[in-house]
PDB file of N, CA and C in Angstrom:
ATOM      1  N   MET A   1      33.532  18.048   8.623  1.00  0.00           N
ATOM      2  CA  MET A   1      33.247  16.864   7.863  1.00  0.00           C
ATOM      3  C   MET A   1      31.860  17.017   7.225  1.00  0.00           C
ATOM      4  N   LYS A   2      31.759  16.671   5.970  1.00  0.00           N
ATOM      5  CA  LYS A   2      30.500  16.799   5.239  1.00  0.00           C
ATOM      6  C   LYS A   2      29.644  15.549   5.439  1.00  0.00           C
ATOM      7  N   ASN A   3      28.328  15.746   5.672  1.00  0.00           N
ATOM      8  CA  ASN A   3      27.413  14.613   5.842  1.00  0.00           C
ATOM      9  C   ASN A   3      27.153  13.945   4.497  1.00  0.00           C
ATOM     10  N   PRO A   4      27.043  12.613   4.492  1.00  0.00           N
ATOM     11  CA  PRO A   4      26.756  11.918   3.233  1.00  0.00           C
ATOM     12  C   PRO A   4      25.318  12.200   2.792  1.00  0.00           C
ATOM     13  N   PRO A   5      25.048  12.087   1.493  1.00  0.00           N
ATOM     14  CA  PRO A   5      23.676  12.333   1.029  1.00  0.00           C
ATOM     15  C   PRO A   5      22.722  11.242   1.519  1.00  0.00           C
ATOM     16  N   ILE A   6      21.474  11.622   1.752  1.00  0.00           N
ATOM     17  CA  ILE A   6      20.455  10.693   2.236  1.00  0.00           C
ATOM     18  C   ILE A   6      19.712  10.142   1.022  1.00  0.00           C
ATOM     19  N   PRO A   7      19.551   8.811   0.918  1.00  0.00           N
ATOM     20  CA  PRO A   7      18.811   8.230  -0.206  1.00  0.00           C
ATOM     21  C   PRO A   7      17.368   8.734  -0.261  1.00  0.00           C
ATOM     22  N   GLU A   8      16.739   8.584  -1.433  1.00  0.00           N
ATOM     23  CA  GLU A   8      15.398   9.128  -1.668  1.00  0.00           C
ATOM     24  C   GLU A   8      14.343   8.554  -0.734  1.00  0.00           C
ATOM     25  N   LYS A   9      14.384   7.273  -0.444  1.00  0.00           N
ATOM     26  CA  LYS A   9      13.322   6.624   0.332  1.00  0.00           C
ATOM     27  C   LYS A   9      13.533   6.701   1.836  1.00  0.00           C
ATOM     28  N   ILE A  10      14.503   7.466   2.287  1.00  0.00           N
ATOM     29  CA  ILE A  10      14.795   7.549   3.718  1.00  0.00           C
ATOM     30  C   ILE A  10      14.565   8.978   4.205  1.00  0.00           C
ATOM     31  N   ASP A  11      13.833   9.091   5.311  1.00  0.00           N
ATOM     32  CA  ASP A  11      13.602  10.381   5.962  1.00  0.00           C
ATOM     33  C   ASP A  11      14.288  10.376   7.314  1.00  0.00           C
ATOM     34  N   VAL A  12      14.965  11.461   7.644  1.00  0.00           N
ATOM     35  CA  VAL A  12      15.596  11.614   8.941  1.00  0.00           C
ATOM     36  C   VAL A  12      14.929  12.803   9.636  1.00  0.00           C
ATOM     37  N   LEU A  13      14.329  12.527  10.798  1.00  0.00           N
ATOM     38  CA  LEU A  13      13.646  13.557  11.566  1.00  0.00           C
ATOM     39  C   LEU A  13      14.376  13.760  12.892  1.00  0.00           C
ATOM     40  N   HIS A  14      14.568  15.007  13.255  1.00  0.00           N
ATOM     41  CA  HIS A  14      15.182  15.336  14.536  1.00  0.00           C
ATOM     42  C   HIS A  14      14.097  15.924  15.427  1.00  0.00           C
ATOM     43  N   GLU A  15      13.754  15.216  16.491  1.00  0.00           N
ATOM     44  CA  GLU A  15      12.738  15.679  17.437  1.00  0.00           C
ATOM     45  C   GLU A  15      13.356  15.753  18.824  1.00  0.00           C
ATOM     46  N   GLY A  16      13.795  16.929  19.180  1.00  0.00           N
ATOM     47  CA  GLY A  16      14.466  17.108  20.464  1.00  0.00           C
ATOM     48  C   GLY A  16      15.768  16.320  20.476  1.00  0.00           C
ATOM     49  N   PRO A  17      15.988  15.549  21.544  1.00  0.00           N
ATOM     50  CA  PRO A  17      17.223  14.766  21.602  1.00  0.00           C
ATOM     51  C   PRO A  17      17.158  13.477  20.771  1.00  0.00           C
ATOM     52  N   ALA A  18      15.980  13.168  20.213  1.00  0.00           N
ATOM     53  CA  ALA A  18      15.819  11.919  19.462  1.00  0.00           C
ATOM     54  C   ALA A  18      15.994  12.155  17.967  1.00  0.00           C
ATOM     55  N   MET A  19      16.464  11.128  17.296  1.00  0.00           N
ATOM     56  CA  MET A  19      16.569  11.145  15.847  1.00  0.00           C
ATOM     57  C   MET A  19      15.781   9.947  15.319  1.00  0.00           C
ATOM     58  N   ILE A  20      14.825  10.197  14.429  1.00  0.00           N
ATOM     59  CA  ILE A  20      13.986   9.144  13.872  1.00  0.00           C
ATOM     60  C   ILE A  20      14.366   8.959  12.407  1.00  0.00           C
ATOM     61  N   ILE A  21      14.679   7.703  12.055  1.00  0.00           N
ATOM     62  CA  ILE A  21      15.017   7.380  10.676  1.00  0.00           C
ATOM     63  C   ILE A  21      13.902   6.488  10.135  1.00  0.00           C
ATOM     64  N   ARG A  22      13.238   6.934   9.079  1.00  0.00           N
ATOM     65  CA  ARG A  22      12.146   6.172   8.478  1.00  0.00           C
ATOM     66  C   ARG A  22      12.514   5.786   7.056  1.00  0.00           C
ATOM     67  N   ARG A  23      12.118   4.576   6.692  1.00  0.00           N
ATOM     68  CA  ARG A  23      12.336   4.094   5.328  1.00  0.00           C
ATOM     69  C   ARG A  23      10.983   3.805   4.700  1.00  0.00           C
ATOM     70  N   LYS A  24      10.712   4.371   3.563  1.00  0.00           N
ATOM     71  CA  LYS A  24       9.469   4.114   2.849  1.00  0.00           C
ATOM     72  C   LYS A  24       9.603   2.774   2.133  1.00  0.00           C
ATOM     73  N   TRP A  25       8.750   1.825   2.495  1.00  0.00           N
ATOM     74  CA  TRP A  25       8.874   0.471   1.957  1.00  0.00           C
ATOM     75  C   TRP A  25       7.736   0.100   1.025  1.00  0.00           C
ATOM     76  N   LEU A  26       6.661   0.881   1.012  1.00  0.00           N
ATOM     77  CA  LEU A  26       5.508   0.548   0.200  1.00  0.00           C
ATOM     78  C   LEU A  26       5.773   0.911  -1.264  1.00  0.00           C
ATOM     79  N   SER A  27       5.766  -0.110  -2.106  1.00  0.00           N
ATOM     80  CA  SER A  27       5.962   0.106  -3.537  1.00  0.00           C
ATOM     81  C   SER A  27       5.297  -1.049  -4.287  1.00  0.00           C
ATOM     82  N   TYR A  28       5.399  -1.028  -5.597  1.00  0.00           N
ATOM     83  CA  TYR A  28       4.786  -2.082  -6.403  1.00  0.00           C
ATOM     84  C   TYR A  28       5.480  -3.434  -6.224  1.00  0.00           C
ATOM     85  N   THR A  29       6.682  -3.457  -5.730  1.00  0.00           N
ATOM     86  CA  THR A  29       7.379  -4.730  -5.521  1.00  0.00           C
ATOM     87  C   THR A  29       6.815  -5.506  -4.338  1.00  0.00           C
ATOM     88  N   VAL A  30       6.020  -4.859  -3.492  1.00  0.00           N
ATOM     89  CA  VAL A  30       5.434  -5.510  -2.318  1.00  0.00           C
ATOM     90  C   VAL A  30       4.173  -6.294  -2.688  1.00  0.00           C
ATOM     91  N   ILE A  31       3.518  -5.956  -3.798  1.00  0.00           N
ATOM     92  CA  ILE A  31       2.246  -6.569  -4.172  1.00  0.00           C
ATOM     93  C   ILE A  31       2.347  -8.089  -4.356  1.00  0.00           C
ATOM     94  N   PRO A  32       3.350  -8.636  -5.083  1.00  0.00           N
ATOM     95  CA  PRO A  32       3.435 -10.103  -5.188  1.00  0.00           C
ATOM     96  C   PRO A  32       3.623 -10.781  -3.826  1.00  0.00           C
ATOM     97  N   LEU A  33       4.398 -10.179  -2.955  1.00  0.00           N
ATOM     98  CA  LEU A  33       4.593 -10.739  -1.619  1.00  0.00           C
ATOM     99  C   LEU A  33       3.298 -10.706  -0.818  1.00  0.00           C
ATOM    100  N   LEU A  34       2.545  -9.646  -0.937  1.00  0.00           N
ATOM    101  CA  LEU A  34       1.263  -9.528  -0.255  1.00  0.00           C
ATOM    102  C   LEU A  34       0.280 -10.589  -0.752  1.00  0.00           C
ATOM    103  N   ILE A  35       0.228 -10.803  -2.052  1.00  0.00           N
ATOM    104  CA  ILE A  35      -0.650 -11.835  -2.616  1.00  0.00           C
ATOM    105  C   ILE A  35      -0.238 -13.215  -2.125  1.00  0.00           C
ATOM    106  N   PHE A  36       1.056 -13.493  -2.134  1.00  0.00           N
ATOM    107  CA  PHE A  36       1.545 -14.783  -1.646  1.00  0.00           C
ATOM    108  C   PHE A  36       1.162 -14.992  -0.184  1.00  0.00           C
ATOM    109  N   CYS A  37       1.335 -13.970   0.641  1.00  0.00           N
ATOM    110  CA  CYS A  37       1.010 -14.089   2.070  1.00  0.00           C
ATOM    111  C   CYS A  37      -0.472 -14.364   2.283  1.00  0.00           C
ATOM    112  N   ILE A  38      -1.336 -13.705   1.525  1.00  0.00           N
ATOM    113  CA  ILE A  38      -2.771 -13.940   1.660  1.00  0.00           C
ATOM    114  C   ILE A  38      -3.123 -15.368   1.266  1.00  0.00           C
ATOM    115  N   VAL A  39      -2.574 -15.849   0.149  1.00  0.00           N
ATOM    116  CA  VAL A  39      -2.846 -17.217  -0.302  1.00  0.00           C
ATOM    117  C   VAL A  39      -2.305 -18.222   0.704  1.00  0.00           C
ATOM    118  N   TRP A  40      -1.076 -18.031   1.174  1.00  0.00           N
ATOM    119  CA  TRP A  40      -0.456 -18.974   2.105  1.00  0.00           C
ATOM    120  C   TRP A  40      -1.208 -19.019   3.436  1.00  0.00           C
ATOM    121  N   ASP A  41      -1.558 -17.871   3.972  1.00  0.00           N
ATOM    122  CA  ASP A  41      -2.281 -17.837   5.245  1.00  0.00           C
ATOM    123  C   ASP A  41      -3.670 -18.453   5.110  1.00  0.00           C
ATOM    124  N   SER A  42      -4.320 -18.241   3.972  1.00  0.00           N
ATOM    125  CA  SER A  42      -5.620 -18.873   3.740  1.00  0.00           C
ATOM    126  C   SER A  42      -5.480 -20.385   3.692  1.00  0.00           C
ATOM    127  N   PHE A  43      -4.453 -20.857   3.013  1.00  0.00           N
ATOM    128  CA  PHE A  43      -4.192 -22.294   2.955  1.00  0.00           C
ATOM    129  C   PHE A  43      -3.969 -22.854   4.351  1.00  0.00           C
ATOM    130  N   LEU A  44      -3.151 -22.197   5.155  1.00  0.00           N
ATOM    131  CA  LEU A  44      -2.883 -22.683   6.507  1.00  0.00           C
ATOM    132  C   LEU A  44      -4.130 -22.665   7.373  1.00  0.00           C
ATOM    133  N   PHE A  45      -4.948 -21.635   7.235  1.00  0.00           N
ATOM    134  CA  PHE A  45      -6.176 -21.555   8.008  1.00  0.00           C
ATOM    135  C   PHE A  45      -7.074 -22.760   7.712  1.00  0.00           C
ATOM    136  N   PHE A  46      -7.304 -23.034   6.438  1.00  0.00           N
ATOM    137  CA  PHE A  46      -8.174 -24.158   6.082  1.00  0.00           C
ATOM    138  C   PHE A  46      -7.523 -25.498   6.414  1.00  0.00           C
ATOM    139  N   TRP A  47      -6.214 -25.602   6.284  1.00  0.00           N
ATOM    140  CA  TRP A  47      -5.498 -26.839   6.623  1.00  0.00           C
ATOM    141  C   TRP A  47      -5.687 -27.170   8.110  1.00  0.00           C
ATOM    142  N   TYR A  48      -5.438 -26.193   8.971  1.00  0.00           N
ATOM    143  CA  TYR A  48      -5.584 -26.436  10.412  1.00  0.00           C
ATOM    144  C   TYR A  48      -7.041 -26.596  10.822  1.00  0.00           C
ATOM    145  N   THR A  49      -7.950 -25.922  10.131  1.00  0.00           N
ATOM    146  CA  THR A  49      -9.365 -26.108  10.421  1.00  0.00           C
ATOM    147  C   THR A  49      -9.779 -27.543  10.132  1.00  0.00           C
ATOM    148  N   MET A  50      -9.346 -28.089   9.015  1.00  0.00           N
ATOM    149  CA  MET A  50      -9.683 -29.466   8.658  1.00  0.00           C
ATOM    150  C   MET A  50      -8.963 -30.460   9.568  1.00  0.00           C
ATOM    151  N   ALA A  51      -7.715 -30.178   9.898  1.00  0.00           N
ATOM    152  CA  ALA A  51      -6.928 -31.123  10.701  1.00  0.00           C
ATOM    153  C   ALA A  51      -7.410 -31.179  12.150  1.00  0.00           C
ATOM    154  N   LEU A  52      -7.776 -30.045  12.718  1.00  0.00           N
ATOM    155  CA  LEU A  52      -8.144 -30.012  14.132  1.00  0.00           C
ATOM    156  C   LEU A  52      -9.654 -30.082  14.367  1.00  0.00           C
ATOM    157  N   GLY A  53     -10.444 -29.891  13.341  1.00  0.00           N
ATOM    158  CA  GLY A  53     -11.879 -29.833  13.532  1.00  0.00           C
ATOM    159  C   GLY A  53     -12.613 -31.122  13.216  1.00  0.00           C
ATOM    160  N   GLY A  54     -11.918 -32.117  12.713  1.00  0.00           N
ATOM    161  CA  GLY A  54     -12.577 -33.358  12.334  1.00  0.00           C
ATOM    162  C   GLY A  54     -12.887 -34.247  13.531  1.00  0.00           C
ATOM    163  N   LYS A  55     -13.774 -35.230  13.305  1.00  0.00           N
ATOM    164  CA  LYS A  55     -14.140 -36.156  14.374  1.00  0.00           C
ATOM    165  C   LYS A  55     -12.995 -37.081  14.747  1.00  0.00           C
ATOM    166  N   ASP A  56     -12.124 -37.375  13.806  1.00  0.00           N
ATOM    167  CA  ASP A  56     -11.012 -38.293  14.070  1.00  0.00           C
ATOM    168  C   ASP A  56      -9.765 -37.591  14.592  1.00  0.00           C
ATOM    169  N   SER A  57      -9.891 -36.316  14.920  1.00  0.00           N
ATOM    170  CA  SER A  57      -8.742 -35.559  15.396  1.00  0.00           C
ATOM    171  C   SER A  57      -8.317 -36.072  16.770  1.00  0.00           C
ATOM    172  N   ARG A  58      -7.052 -36.380  16.924  1.00  0.00           N
ATOM    173  CA  ARG A  58      -6.541 -36.899  18.210  1.00  0.00           C
ATOM    174  C   ARG A  58      -6.017 -35.783  19.107  1.00  0.00           C
ATOM    175  N   ILE A  59      -5.890 -34.587  18.558  1.00  0.00           N
ATOM    176  CA  ILE A  59      -5.351 -33.466  19.353  1.00  0.00           C
ATOM    177  C   ILE A  59      -6.416 -32.898  20.272  1.00  0.00           C
ATOM    178  N   MET A  60      -7.654 -32.808  19.815  1.00  0.00           N
ATOM    179  CA  MET A  60      -8.712 -32.193  20.611  1.00  0.00           C
ATOM    180  C   MET A  60      -9.698 -33.219  21.095  1.00  0.00           C
TER     181      MET A  60
END
């Protein structure tokens, strides 16, 4: 039986009895997601800082 071709972004490594399959995920399509995550996490950080750090906070 012939093995199917391996896509370009996938590496298959055979190390002893183990087989490691790696997928390369870093590309230009990740940049918008990375920017969104930085903005969103910054927003959440400041939101929780203001909500929990004030004098009228009932949680702390």
